């Protein structure tokens, strides 16, 4: 049995779904810098580490 490789990046719609957003809202949030992105040529991706950090920071700020 082979293991699936760990996900390192999401596409923008996938990251949006994880955050409860639709496709258009996710792209708008990415364009506004609200979702962290990196570019590989024409591909726009959301690093899992950056998304996790963003969520953790938002939770910590909300808990204060």
C-alpha atoms as a PDB file:
ATOM      1  CA  UNK A   1       0.000   0.000   0.000  1.00  0.00           C
ATOM      2  CA  UNK A   2       1.403   3.393  -0.968  1.00  0.00           C
ATOM      3  CA  UNK A   3       0.835   6.515   1.064  1.00  0.00           C
ATOM      4  CA  UNK A   4      -0.489   9.699  -0.476  1.00  0.00           C
ATOM      5  CA  UNK A   5       2.088  12.492  -0.432  1.00  0.00           C
ATOM      6  CA  UNK A   6       1.414  15.308   2.015  1.00  0.00           C
ATOM      7  CA  UNK A   7      -0.389  18.256   0.471  1.00  0.00           C
ATOM      8  CA  UNK A   8       1.934  21.266   0.361  1.00  0.00           C
ATOM      9  CA  UNK A   9      -0.193  23.682  -1.676  1.00  0.00           C
ATOM     10  CA  UNK A  10      -3.857  24.144  -2.534  1.00  0.00           C
ATOM     11  CA  UNK A  11      -5.329  25.797  -5.568  1.00  0.00           C
ATOM     12  CA  UNK A  12      -7.290  28.954  -4.751  1.00  0.00           C
ATOM     13  CA  UNK A  13     -10.786  27.428  -5.030  1.00  0.00           C
ATOM     14  CA  UNK A  14      -9.743  24.505  -2.802  1.00  0.00           C
ATOM     15  CA  UNK A  15      -8.337  26.860  -0.158  1.00  0.00           C
ATOM     16  CA  UNK A  16     -11.534  28.880  -0.406  1.00  0.00           C
ATOM     17  CA  UNK A  17     -13.652  25.776   0.190  1.00  0.00           C
ATOM     18  CA  UNK A  18     -11.594  25.000   3.292  1.00  0.00           C
ATOM     19  CA  UNK A  19     -12.409  28.514   4.516  1.00  0.00           C
ATOM     20  CA  UNK A  20     -16.091  28.257   3.584  1.00  0.00           C
ATOM     21  CA  UNK A  21     -15.849  30.510   0.520  1.00  0.00           C
ATOM     22  CA  UNK A  22     -17.010  30.107  -3.024  1.00  0.00           C
ATOM     23  CA  UNK A  23     -14.635  30.231  -5.989  1.00  0.00           C
ATOM     24  CA  UNK A  24     -15.147  33.916  -6.828  1.00  0.00           C
ATOM     25  CA  UNK A  25     -14.845  35.053  -3.197  1.00  0.00           C
ATOM     26  CA  UNK A  26     -11.657  32.982  -2.814  1.00  0.00           C
ATOM     27  CA  UNK A  27     -10.047  34.593  -5.868  1.00  0.00           C
ATOM     28  CA  UNK A  28     -11.115  38.042  -4.641  1.00  0.00           C
ATOM     29  CA  UNK A  29      -9.619  37.332  -1.201  1.00  0.00           C
ATOM     30  CA  UNK A  30      -6.398  36.093  -2.807  1.00  0.00           C
ATOM     31  CA  UNK A  31      -6.193  39.222  -4.998  1.00  0.00           C
ATOM     32  CA  UNK A  32      -6.737  41.403  -1.902  1.00  0.00           C
ATOM     33  CA  UNK A  33      -3.949  39.587  -0.035  1.00  0.00           C
ATOM     34  CA  UNK A  34      -6.381  38.095   2.488  1.00  0.00           C
ATOM     35  CA  UNK A  35      -5.376  34.569   1.451  1.00  0.00           C
ATOM     36  CA  UNK A  36      -1.598  34.002   1.159  1.00  0.00           C
ATOM     37  CA  UNK A  37      -0.552  32.926  -2.325  1.00  0.00           C
ATOM     38  CA  UNK A  38       2.537  32.061  -4.310  1.00  0.00           C
ATOM     39  CA  UNK A  39       2.865  31.968  -8.082  1.00  0.00           C
ATOM     40  CA  UNK A  40       4.455  29.235 -10.199  1.00  0.00           C
ATOM     41  CA  UNK A  41       4.461  30.768 -13.641  1.00  0.00           C
ATOM     42  CA  UNK A  42       0.751  31.188 -14.386  1.00  0.00           C
ATOM     43  CA  UNK A  43      -0.358  28.949 -11.509  1.00  0.00           C
ATOM     44  CA  UNK A  44      -1.561  30.643  -8.333  1.00  0.00           C
ATOM     45  CA  UNK A  45      -1.300  28.403  -5.265  1.00  0.00           C
ATOM     46  CA  UNK A  46      -1.943  28.716  -1.532  1.00  0.00           C
ATOM     47  CA  UNK A  47       0.800  27.168   0.644  1.00  0.00           C
ATOM     48  CA  UNK A  48      -0.693  24.890   3.311  1.00  0.00           C
ATOM     49  CA  UNK A  49       1.781  26.189   5.899  1.00  0.00           C
ATOM     50  CA  UNK A  50       0.829  29.816   5.245  1.00  0.00           C
ATOM     51  CA  UNK A  51      -2.895  29.028   5.312  1.00  0.00           C
ATOM     52  CA  UNK A  52      -2.533  27.101   8.585  1.00  0.00           C
ATOM     53  CA  UNK A  53      -0.542  29.992  10.095  1.00  0.00           C
ATOM     54  CA  UNK A  54      -3.141  32.522   8.948  1.00  0.00           C
ATOM     55  CA  UNK A  55      -5.923  30.500  10.607  1.00  0.00           C
ATOM     56  CA  UNK A  56      -3.926  30.053  13.827  1.00  0.00           C
ATOM     57  CA  UNK A  57      -3.203  33.791  14.035  1.00  0.00           C
ATOM     58  CA  UNK A  58      -6.848  34.641  13.399  1.00  0.00           C
ATOM     59  CA  UNK A  59      -7.935  32.225  16.136  1.00  0.00           C
ATOM     60  CA  UNK A  60      -5.376  33.642  18.574  1.00  0.00           C
ATOM     61  CA  UNK A  61      -6.478  37.213  17.847  1.00  0.00           C
ATOM     62  CA  UNK A  62     -10.117  36.237  18.306  1.00  0.00           C
ATOM     63  CA  UNK A  63      -9.371  34.528  21.641  1.00  0.00           C
ATOM     64  CA  UNK A  64      -7.883  37.717  23.131  1.00  0.00           C
END
